[in-house]
Protein backbone atom coordinates (compact mmCIF):
# COMPACT_ATOMS: atom_id res chain seq x y z
CA MET A 1 0.00 0.00 0.00
CA SER A 2 1.40 3.39 -1.05
CA PHE A 3 1.89 6.29 1.37
CA PHE A 4 -0.93 8.25 -0.29
CA SER A 5 -3.37 5.34 -0.11
CA LYS A 6 -2.60 4.79 3.57
CA PHE A 7 -2.88 8.41 4.64
CA LYS A 8 -5.20 9.70 1.89
CA ASN A 9 -8.00 10.75 4.20
CA VAL A 10 -5.65 12.47 6.64
CA LEU A 11 -4.12 14.39 3.74
CA LEU A 12 -7.54 15.34 2.38
CA ILE A 13 -8.60 16.69 5.79
CA LEU A 14 -5.32 18.58 6.22
CA ILE A 15 -5.49 20.07 2.71
CA SER A 16 -9.14 21.05 3.20
CA THR A 17 -8.28 22.70 6.53
CA LEU A 18 -5.54 24.78 4.91
CA LEU A 19 -7.80 25.69 1.97
CA TYR A 20 -10.63 26.79 4.27
CA PHE A 21 -8.18 28.82 6.35
CA ALA A 22 -6.91 30.57 3.22
CA PHE A 23 -10.49 31.16 2.09
CA ALA A 24 -11.54 32.63 5.43
CA TYR A 25 -8.56 34.92 6.12
CA PHE A 26 -6.66 35.57 2.89
CA LEU A 27 -9.25 36.08 0.16
CA GLU A 28 -10.95 39.16 -1.26
CA ARG A 29 -14.15 38.89 -3.27
CA THR A 30 -12.50 40.62 -6.23
CA GLU A 31 -9.80 37.91 -6.52
CA PHE A 32 -11.78 35.70 -8.88
CA SER A 33 -8.92 33.42 -10.03
CA LYS A 34 -7.90 32.72 -6.43
CA LEU A 35 -11.53 32.17 -5.52
CA LEU A 36 -11.97 29.59 -8.28
CA PHE A 37 -8.81 27.72 -7.28
CA LEU A 38 -9.84 27.46 -3.62
CA TRP A 39 -13.44 26.58 -4.50
CA PHE A 40 -12.67 23.83 -7.01
CA SER A 41 -9.94 22.38 -4.77
CA LEU A 42 -12.31 22.25 -1.78
CA PHE A 43 -15.01 20.54 -3.85
CA GLY A 44 -12.47 17.97 -5.03
CA CYS A 45 -11.52 17.15 -1.44
CA PHE A 46 -15.21 17.13 -0.43
CA TYR A 47 -16.08 14.58 -3.11
CA LEU A 48 -13.17 12.29 -2.21
CA LEU A 49 -13.96 12.46 1.51
CA LEU A 50 -17.61 11.68 0.91
CA LYS A 51 -16.89 8.73 -1.37
CA THR A 52 -14.50 6.99 1.01
CA ASN A 53 -15.75 4.19 3.25
CA GLN A 54 -12.86 4.53 5.67
CA ILE A 55 -14.28 7.45 7.66
CA SER A 56 -17.06 6.78 10.14
CA PHE A 57 -20.24 8.83 10.41
CA GLN A 58 -19.08 10.28 13.75
CA ASN A 59 -15.72 11.32 12.29
CA LEU A 60 -17.43 13.01 9.35
CA VAL A 61 -19.54 14.96 11.87
CA GLY A 62 -16.37 16.07 13.65
CA ILE A 63 -14.71 17.07 10.37
CA SER A 64 -17.79 19.09 9.34
CA ILE A 65 -17.76 21.01 12.63
CA LEU A 66 -13.99 21.54 12.42
CA PHE A 67 -14.27 23.13 8.97
CA ARG A 68 -16.96 25.50 10.26
CA LEU A 69 -14.94 26.52 13.31
CA ILE A 70 -12.10 27.60 11.03
CA PHE A 71 -14.31 30.56 10.03
CA LEU A 72 -15.19 31.49 13.62
CA PHE A 73 -12.88 34.51 13.90
CA SER A 74 -13.06 35.68 10.28
CA ILE A 75 -15.02 38.58 8.79
CA PRO A 76 -17.24 37.49 5.84
CA ASN A 77 -15.46 38.20 2.56
CA LEU A 78 -18.10 37.33 -0.07
CA SER A 79 -21.06 39.24 1.36
CA GLN A 80 -21.67 42.47 3.24
CA ASP A 81 -25.22 41.68 4.38
CA PHE A 82 -24.05 40.95 7.92
CA TYR A 83 -23.51 44.66 8.54
CA ARG A 84 -27.26 45.18 8.13
CA PHE A 85 -27.92 42.21 10.44
CA ILE A 86 -25.86 43.85 13.16
CA TRP A 87 -27.49 47.23 12.51
CA ASP A 88 -31.01 45.80 12.86
CA GLY A 89 -30.15 43.90 16.04
CA ARG A 90 -28.64 46.94 17.72
CA MET A 91 -31.57 49.12 16.65
CA ILE A 92 -34.01 46.71 18.35
CA LEU A 93 -31.82 46.72 21.46
CA GLN A 94 -32.09 50.51 21.55
CA GLY A 95 -35.86 50.37 21.21
CA PHE A 96 -36.15 51.22 17.50
CA ASN A 97 -38.38 49.34 15.07
CA PRO A 98 -36.12 48.23 12.18
CA TYR A 99 -39.10 47.92 9.83
CA VAL A 100 -39.95 51.63 9.95
CA SER A 101 -36.51 53.27 9.98
CA LEU A 102 -33.85 53.69 7.30
CA PRO A 103 -30.13 53.62 8.13
CA GLU A 104 -29.45 56.39 5.61
CA THR A 105 -31.89 58.74 7.38
CA PHE A 106 -29.83 58.68 10.57
CA ILE A 107 -26.52 58.96 8.73
CA GLN A 108 -27.67 61.88 6.57
CA GLN A 109 -28.83 63.70 9.70
CA GLY A 110 -25.51 63.06 11.40
CA LEU A 111 -27.11 60.85 14.05
CA SER A 112 -25.64 57.69 15.61
CA PRO A 113 -28.53 55.76 17.16
CA ILE A 114 -26.28 52.76 17.79
CA PHE A 115 -22.59 52.13 18.42
CA GLU A 116 -20.44 51.99 15.25
CA ALA A 117 -23.34 53.35 13.16
CA SER A 118 -21.06 54.92 10.52
CA GLU A 119 -18.94 51.78 10.17
CA LEU A 120 -22.03 49.59 9.79
CA TYR A 121 -23.61 51.92 7.23
CA ILE A 122 -20.42 52.04 5.14
CA GLY A 123 -20.13 48.25 5.41
CA MET A 124 -23.68 47.51 4.28
CA GLY A 125 -23.44 50.00 1.40
CA GLU A 126 -25.71 52.81 0.28
CA LEU A 127 -28.06 50.47 -1.61
CA ASN A 128 -28.79 48.34 1.45
CA GLY A 129 -28.90 51.34 3.75
CA SER A 130 -31.49 53.12 1.61
CA HIS A 131 -34.11 50.35 1.88
CA TYR A 132 -36.25 49.12 4.75
CA THR A 133 -35.21 45.81 6.22
CA ASN A 134 -36.78 42.70 4.67
CA TYR A 135 -35.67 40.20 7.31
CA PRO A 136 -38.58 38.48 9.13
CA PRO A 137 -39.04 38.67 12.93
CA LEU A 138 -37.29 35.46 14.09
CA ASN A 139 -34.33 36.46 11.95
CA GLN A 140 -34.41 39.78 13.79
CA LEU A 141 -34.33 37.82 17.05
CA CYS A 142 -31.02 36.27 15.95
CA PHE A 143 -29.70 39.77 15.25
CA LEU A 144 -30.91 40.92 18.66
CA ILE A 145 -29.08 38.03 20.36
CA ALA A 146 -25.86 39.20 18.67
CA ALA A 147 -26.53 42.72 19.95
CA LEU A 148 -27.20 41.47 23.48
CA PHE A 149 -23.86 39.68 23.63
CA SER A 150 -21.85 42.22 21.65
CA SER A 151 -23.40 45.68 21.26
CA LYS A 152 -20.10 47.52 20.76
CA SER A 153 -18.00 45.20 18.61
CA ILE A 154 -18.68 44.18 15.02
CA PHE A 155 -16.17 41.35 15.41
CA GLY A 156 -17.95 40.06 18.52
CA SER A 157 -21.35 40.25 16.81
CA VAL A 158 -19.98 38.23 13.88
CA ILE A 159 -18.86 35.47 16.24
CA VAL A 160 -22.30 35.29 17.90
CA LEU A 161 -24.13 35.19 14.55
CA ARG A 162 -21.78 32.49 13.30
CA LEU A 163 -22.31 30.31 16.38
CA ILE A 164 -26.09 30.50 15.86
CA ILE A 165 -25.64 29.29 12.27
CA ILE A 166 -23.28 26.48 13.30
CA PHE A 167 -25.75 25.23 15.94
CA ALA A 168 -28.52 25.35 13.32
CA ASP A 169 -26.48 23.15 10.98
CA ILE A 170 -25.92 20.68 13.82
CA GLY A 171 -29.71 20.62 14.27
CA ILE A 172 -30.14 19.93 10.54
CA LEU A 173 -27.65 17.08 10.86
CA TYR A 174 -29.59 15.59 13.78
CA PHE A 175 -33.09 15.72 12.30
CA GLY A 176 -31.87 15.12 8.74
CA LYS A 177 -30.27 11.86 9.84
CA LYS A 178 -33.50 10.77 11.56
CA LEU A 179 -35.52 11.63 8.46
CA LEU A 180 -33.16 9.67 6.21
CA GLN A 181 -33.39 6.65 8.52
CA ASN A 182 -37.19 6.74 8.40
CA LEU A 183 -37.11 6.99 4.60
CA ASN A 184 -34.71 4.01 4.41
CA HIS A 185 -32.06 6.18 2.76
CA PRO A 186 -28.34 5.99 3.64
CA VAL A 187 -27.76 8.36 6.57
CA LYS A 188 -24.44 9.36 5.01
CA ASN A 189 -26.43 11.29 2.39
CA ILE A 190 -26.81 14.12 4.90
CA PHE A 191 -23.17 15.03 4.27
CA TRP A 192 -24.04 16.16 0.73
CA TYR A 193 -25.32 19.15 2.71
CA ILE A 194 -23.31 19.21 5.96
CA LEU A 195 -19.88 18.71 4.40
CA ASN A 196 -20.58 20.67 1.20
CA PRO A 197 -18.03 23.53 0.81
CA PHE A 198 -20.81 25.73 -0.58
CA ILE A 199 -22.82 25.36 2.63
CA ILE A 200 -19.80 25.86 4.89
CA ILE A 201 -18.62 28.98 3.02
CA GLU A 202 -21.92 30.67 2.13
CA LEU A 203 -23.74 30.04 5.40
CA THR A 204 -21.15 29.69 8.17
CA GLY A 205 -18.55 31.80 6.38
CA ASN A 206 -20.74 34.56 4.98
CA LEU A 207 -23.41 34.53 7.71
CA HIS A 208 -26.51 33.76 5.68
CA PHE A 209 -29.36 32.48 7.81
CA GLU A 210 -30.70 29.85 5.41
CA SER A 211 -29.29 27.28 7.83
CA VAL A 212 -31.61 28.48 10.64
CA MET A 213 -34.57 28.52 8.26
CA LEU A 214 -33.73 24.98 7.09
CA PHE A 215 -33.29 23.73 10.66
CA PHE A 216 -36.93 24.55 11.35
CA LEU A 217 -38.04 23.19 7.97
CA ILE A 218 -36.29 19.81 8.33
CA TRP A 219 -37.52 19.54 11.92
CA ALA A 220 -41.03 20.26 10.61
CA LEU A 221 -40.78 17.58 7.89
CA TYR A 222 -39.61 15.06 10.47
CA ASN A 223 -42.57 15.87 12.73
CA LEU A 224 -44.95 15.75 9.78
CA GLN A 225 -43.69 12.26 9.04
CA GLN A 226 -44.39 11.36 12.67
CA GLN A 227 -47.98 12.63 12.21
CA ARG A 228 -47.38 15.54 14.59
CA TRP A 229 -48.77 17.98 12.06
CA LYS A 230 -49.76 20.72 14.54
CA PHE A 231 -46.23 21.03 15.88
CA ALA A 232 -44.93 20.79 12.30
CA ALA A 233 -47.11 23.78 11.38
CA ILE A 234 -45.57 25.84 14.19
CA LEU A 235 -42.07 24.88 13.02
CA ILE A 236 -42.89 25.85 9.42
CA ALA A 237 -44.08 29.23 10.75
CA CYS A 238 -40.71 29.57 12.50
CA SER A 239 -38.98 28.76 9.21
CA VAL A 240 -41.06 31.38 7.38
CA SER A 241 -40.20 33.86 10.12
CA ILE A 242 -36.51 33.43 9.31
CA LYS A 243 -36.86 33.56 5.52
CA LEU A 244 -40.10 33.87 3.54
CA ILE A 245 -39.20 31.14 1.01
CA PRO A 246 -41.16 28.31 2.75
CA LEU A 247 -44.38 30.19 1.97
CA LEU A 248 -43.98 28.84 -1.57
CA PHE A 249 -44.33 25.32 -0.21
CA LEU A 250 -47.74 25.73 1.42
CA PRO A 251 -49.90 24.59 -1.56
CA LEU A 252 -47.80 21.43 -1.92
CA PHE A 253 -48.94 20.05 1.43
CA TYR A 254 -52.47 19.61 0.03
CA GLN A 255 -52.13 15.95 -0.94
CA TRP A 256 -50.34 15.09 2.29
CA PHE A 257 -53.53 15.88 4.18
CA VAL A 258 -56.03 14.96 1.47
CA LYS A 259 -54.88 11.43 0.71
CA LYS A 260 -57.26 9.41 -1.40
CA THR A 261 -56.58 5.94 -2.79
CA ILE A 262 -58.16 5.47 -6.20
CA ASN A 263 -60.12 2.26 -6.33
CA THR A 264 -59.95 1.62 -10.08
CA ALA A 265 -61.47 -1.83 -9.75
CA GLN A 266 -64.65 -0.37 -8.30
CA ILE A 267 -64.91 2.07 -11.18
CA GLU A 268 -64.34 -0.63 -13.79
CA VAL A 269 -67.05 -2.95 -12.51
CA SER A 270 -69.59 -0.16 -12.27
CA ILE A 271 -72.34 -0.59 -14.82
CA SER A 272 -74.11 2.70 -15.14
CA PHE A 273 -72.75 6.17 -15.71
CA LYS A 274 -74.22 7.22 -12.37
CA GLU A 275 -72.35 4.47 -10.55
CA LYS A 276 -69.11 5.39 -12.32
CA THR A 277 -69.58 9.03 -11.36
CA LEU A 278 -70.27 8.18 -7.71
CA ALA A 279 -67.26 5.87 -7.56
CA PHE A 280 -65.02 8.56 -9.05
CA LEU A 281 -66.24 11.19 -6.60
CA LYS A 282 -65.83 8.82 -3.66
CA ASN A 283 -62.20 8.20 -4.53
CA HIS A 284 -61.23 11.73 -5.57
CA VAL A 285 -63.23 14.24 -3.57
CA PRO A 286 -61.52 14.90 -0.22
CA SER A 287 -63.41 14.33 2.99
CA PHE A 288 -64.50 17.12 5.28
CA THR A 289 -62.16 15.81 7.99
CA SER A 290 -59.07 15.96 5.75
CA LEU A 291 -59.96 19.42 4.50
CA SER A 292 -60.47 20.57 8.09
CA LYS A 293 -57.00 19.31 9.02
CA LEU A 294 -55.48 21.07 6.02
CA ALA A 295 -57.26 24.33 6.89
CA ALA A 296 -56.11 24.06 10.50
CA PHE A 297 -52.54 23.38 9.30
CA TYR A 298 -52.53 26.54 7.18
CA LEU A 299 -54.24 28.54 9.92
CA ILE A 300 -51.59 27.59 12.49
CA ILE A 301 -48.78 28.55 10.09
CA LEU A 302 -50.24 31.91 9.13
CA SER A 303 -51.44 32.89 12.61
CA THR A 304 -48.11 31.93 14.21
CA THR A 305 -46.23 33.92 11.58
CA LEU A 306 -48.44 36.96 12.19
CA LEU A 307 -47.91 36.53 15.92
CA PHE A 308 -44.15 36.80 15.42
CA PHE A 309 -44.65 40.07 13.53
CA LEU A 310 -46.93 41.47 16.25
CA PRO A 311 -44.16 43.05 18.39
CA PHE A 312 -43.10 45.11 15.35
CA TYR A 313 -46.61 46.19 14.36
CA SER A 314 -47.09 49.75 13.14
CA SER A 315 -49.18 51.44 10.49
CA GLU A 316 -46.11 51.56 8.22
CA LEU A 317 -44.99 47.98 8.68
CA LEU A 318 -46.92 46.35 5.84
CA SER A 319 -46.19 49.01 3.21
CA ASN A 320 -42.48 49.22 4.07
CA TYR A 321 -42.01 45.46 4.20
CA THR A 322 -43.86 44.68 0.96
CA ARG A 323 -41.96 47.49 -0.76
CA SER A 324 -38.61 46.02 0.27
CA VAL A 325 -39.60 42.48 -0.75
CA GLY A 326 -40.96 43.78 -4.07
CA LEU A 327 -37.57 45.20 -4.97
CA TRP A 328 -36.27 41.67 -5.59
CA PHE A 329 -38.86 41.18 -8.33
CA LYS A 330 -38.80 44.60 -10.02
CA THR A 331 -35.36 46.12 -9.52
CA PHE A 332 -32.47 43.72 -8.89
CA GLU A 333 -30.91 41.49 -11.55
CA TYR A 334 -28.25 38.90 -10.74
CA ASN A 335 -27.37 35.39 -11.90
CA ALA A 336 -30.74 34.80 -13.55
CA SER A 337 -31.42 32.15 -16.20
CA PHE A 338 -34.71 32.32 -18.13
CA TYR A 339 -35.22 35.90 -17.04
CA TYR A 340 -32.12 36.96 -18.98
CA LEU A 341 -33.56 35.27 -22.07
CA PHE A 342 -36.86 37.09 -21.56
CA ARG A 343 -34.93 40.33 -21.09
CA GLU A 344 -33.07 39.89 -24.39
CA ILE A 345 -36.37 39.31 -26.18
CA GLY A 346 -37.61 42.54 -24.62
CA TYR A 347 -34.56 44.38 -25.93
CA LEU A 348 -35.25 43.07 -29.45
CA PHE A 349 -38.90 44.07 -29.59
CA ARG A 350 -39.13 47.04 -27.22
CA GLY A 351 -35.57 48.34 -27.14
CA TYR A 352 -35.25 48.52 -23.35
CA ASN A 353 -35.22 46.37 -20.24
CA GLU A 354 -38.58 44.81 -19.37
CA ILE A 355 -37.90 43.98 -15.71
CA ALA A 356 -40.92 45.96 -14.49
CA ILE A 357 -43.18 43.75 -16.64
CA ILE A 358 -41.29 40.44 -16.42
CA GLY A 359 -40.88 40.88 -12.67
CA LYS A 360 -44.67 40.77 -12.34
CA ILE A 361 -45.14 37.80 -14.69
CA THR A 362 -42.56 35.39 -13.24
CA PRO A 363 -44.25 35.13 -9.80
CA ILE A 364 -47.51 34.29 -11.59
CA LEU A 365 -45.73 31.54 -13.54
CA THR A 366 -44.37 30.16 -10.28
CA ILE A 367 -47.83 30.11 -8.70
CA LEU A 368 -49.27 28.31 -11.74
CA PHE A 369 -46.47 25.73 -11.65
CA LEU A 370 -47.01 25.15 -7.92
CA LEU A 371 -50.74 24.63 -8.49
CA ILE A 372 -50.06 22.16 -11.30
CA ILE A 373 -47.75 19.98 -9.20
CA THR A 374 -50.10 20.38 -6.24
CA PHE A 375 -53.13 18.88 -8.01
CA PHE A 376 -51.71 16.89 -10.93
CA ARG A 377 -48.66 15.20 -9.42
CA LYS A 378 -48.58 12.58 -6.67
CA ASN A 379 -47.28 14.20 -3.48
CA LYS A 380 -48.68 11.75 -0.95
CA SER A 381 -45.53 10.06 0.35
CA GLU A 382 -42.76 11.89 2.20
CA ILE A 383 -40.31 11.46 -0.70
CA GLN A 384 -42.89 12.62 -3.25
CA LEU A 385 -43.66 15.66 -1.12
CA ILE A 386 -40.00 16.64 -0.70
CA THR A 387 -39.40 16.13 -4.44
CA ALA A 388 -42.32 18.46 -5.15
CA LEU A 389 -40.83 21.05 -2.76
CA LEU A 390 -37.51 20.75 -4.59
CA PHE A 391 -38.95 21.25 -8.08
CA GLY A 392 -41.36 23.97 -7.00
CA LEU A 393 -38.55 26.02 -5.51
CA CYS A 394 -36.15 25.41 -8.39
CA PHE A 395 -38.80 26.53 -10.89
CA TYR A 396 -39.06 29.78 -8.94
CA TYR A 397 -35.27 30.23 -9.05
CA PHE A 398 -35.12 29.39 -12.75
CA THR A 399 -37.57 32.21 -13.53
CA ALA A 400 -36.40 34.72 -10.88
CA THR A 401 -34.63 37.99 -11.67
CA THR A 402 -32.12 37.46 -8.87
CA VAL A 403 -30.51 34.21 -7.68
CA HIS A 404 -27.86 34.87 -5.06
CA PRO A 405 -25.60 31.86 -4.40
CA TRP A 406 -26.80 31.26 -0.83
CA TYR A 407 -30.35 30.69 -2.12
CA LEU A 408 -29.22 27.20 -3.18
CA ALA A 409 -28.98 25.96 0.40
CA THR A 410 -32.65 24.94 0.33
CA PRO A 411 -32.53 22.90 -2.92
CA ILE A 412 -29.35 21.20 -1.64
CA ILE A 413 -30.90 19.96 1.61
CA LEU A 414 -34.11 18.90 -0.15
CA SER A 415 -32.15 16.94 -2.75
CA VAL A 416 -30.55 14.90 0.03
CA PHE A 417 -33.89 13.10 0.52
CA THR A 418 -34.65 12.57 -3.18
CA LYS A 419 -33.22 10.84 -6.25
CA TYR A 420 -32.04 14.15 -7.70
CA LYS A 421 -28.56 15.59 -7.21
CA PHE A 422 -28.48 18.47 -9.72
CA PRO A 423 -28.52 21.05 -6.86
CA ILE A 424 -25.15 19.62 -5.71
CA ILE A 425 -23.63 20.33 -9.12
CA TRP A 426 -25.34 23.74 -9.11
CA SER A 427 -23.62 24.52 -5.80
CA PHE A 428 -20.32 23.68 -7.52
CA VAL A 429 -20.75 25.87 -10.62
CA ILE A 430 -22.61 28.82 -9.05
CA ILE A 431 -19.25 30.22 -7.97
CA LEU A 432 -18.96 31.47 -11.57
CA SER A 433 -21.53 34.15 -10.69
CA TYR A 434 -18.96 35.81 -8.42
CA GLN A 435 -17.02 36.83 -11.52
CA ALA A 436 -19.21 39.95 -11.53
CA TYR A 437 -17.50 41.22 -8.38
CA SER A 438 -14.04 41.09 -9.97
CA ASN A 439 -15.05 44.03 -12.18
CA ASN A 440 -15.02 47.63 -11.05
CA PRO A 441 -17.74 48.73 -11.37
CA TRP A 442 -19.71 45.55 -10.82
CA GLU A 443 -20.66 43.83 -14.10
CA GLU A 444 -21.79 40.33 -15.01
CA ASN A 445 -20.18 38.32 -17.79
CA LEU A 446 -23.13 36.40 -19.22
CA TRP A 447 -20.85 33.73 -20.66
CA PHE A 448 -20.11 32.59 -17.11
CA VAL A 449 -23.83 32.65 -16.32
CA ALA A 450 -24.50 30.60 -19.46
CA ILE A 451 -21.90 27.97 -18.49
CA GLU A 452 -23.45 27.70 -15.04
CA TYR A 453 -27.00 27.12 -16.24
CA ILE A 454 -26.11 24.92 -19.22
CA THR A 455 -24.36 22.62 -16.74
CA VAL A 456 -27.32 22.65 -14.34
CA PHE A 457 -30.02 22.13 -16.98
CA SER A 458 -28.03 19.37 -18.69
CA LEU A 459 -27.82 17.38 -15.46
CA LEU A 460 -31.44 18.16 -14.59
CA ILE A 461 -32.69 16.82 -17.93
CA TYR A 462 -30.47 13.74 -17.60
CA GLU A 463 -31.75 12.99 -14.08
CA ILE A 464 -35.39 13.47 -15.05
CA LYS A 465 -34.96 11.03 -17.95
CA ARG A 466 -33.09 8.54 -15.75
CA VAL A 467 -35.72 8.62 -13.00
CA THR A 468 -38.57 8.38 -15.57
CA VAL A 469 -37.02 5.33 -17.25
CA LYS A 470 -36.34 3.72 -13.86
CA ASN A 471 -39.96 4.24 -12.78
CA LEU A 472 -41.24 2.74 -16.04
CA ILE A 473 -39.06 -0.35 -15.58
CA ASN A 474 -40.20 -0.77 -11.99
């Protein structure tokens, strides 16, 4: 046995540790070539570590936590959103409502309502500082916790926020493993998320709170599987109150509650049209009990979410919040796929950008797609439901005007429980979108965007065909 074969895993862990350290402390977002080298090298090590059978589950858990702790004392280098997180948390601590105040208003008036106000405003940037916050209430609670522990140090606040995210990932690991066991899937599949360099860098490294949102979502799916649907509804409300994305999933729970087994034999032996009609209705029309459960499920989610917003209630809350959320549909453009094609068509026929129109159409397309897979696709089993969640969300991202890299955390964790792995490849190639930040001023190179999405769609089509053929054979 060669030296490399004997100590391969040790070398892979050591190399990954050094690469993560370099990523955390010696990389600027504008250094695109260096970013690509570190990213591709880390994914290579990740794949080799995951494919080996010589590392136990417990050791992989320890390695995953080790890689996250490397980032503990670093300042995020691929995103500046954390400055706004700290601002919002300190504003709440001082008694201000972050949903009705603008950072730029205080700065322009020469006021410092919180410690390090100028530094935080400069860090978040004028664009972020000129809009009302769009972070839901439980996310604001995380920001407040950082302010409680470190109200006068940006560095200290970063450490607190990062620890919250790390603990959330540990929670995902715990409930994700249980869910995989109940689905009779290999528990090692959870490391496609936990050990993924994308997840470690974008969430732990850059302080994006998708991990906290996903902790509540995976916990909810586990409880739903255990038939504890009321508690699952509360957990989904918690997930929504971190990030709004799980609201897209609500229609897809319809079949989970309204399960009807089609008795085709009964229909076939029916003689008259009336009997056939009655048999069809009996096997397709949901019962009052199941509809009542579904209504109660939705009611718990929505009422709990509203309850979380209650402490921040004001007459301006709704208008300010919806205005900030609406910006993502009508103003911002980044790393889009079909939207860029629609935009080019608009240029050809109208001569200018059509984002104001397209931004209104794409949400409607998403709603229609969600309704189609809600009523015309089987979503009765846990795996079918999670697969529907995966495709519903990915359709939204494929038509969105803005797809920031950290958005992919949700498709990645959902794919862990399905037969589809295209989100894993997407997490590998989405780094190409960061090429835009190597330009001054910021500018996207659409060739890089094209390479990213051609890769993703090619694998998606291949996997759909493979799964379809496999289902036909079985």
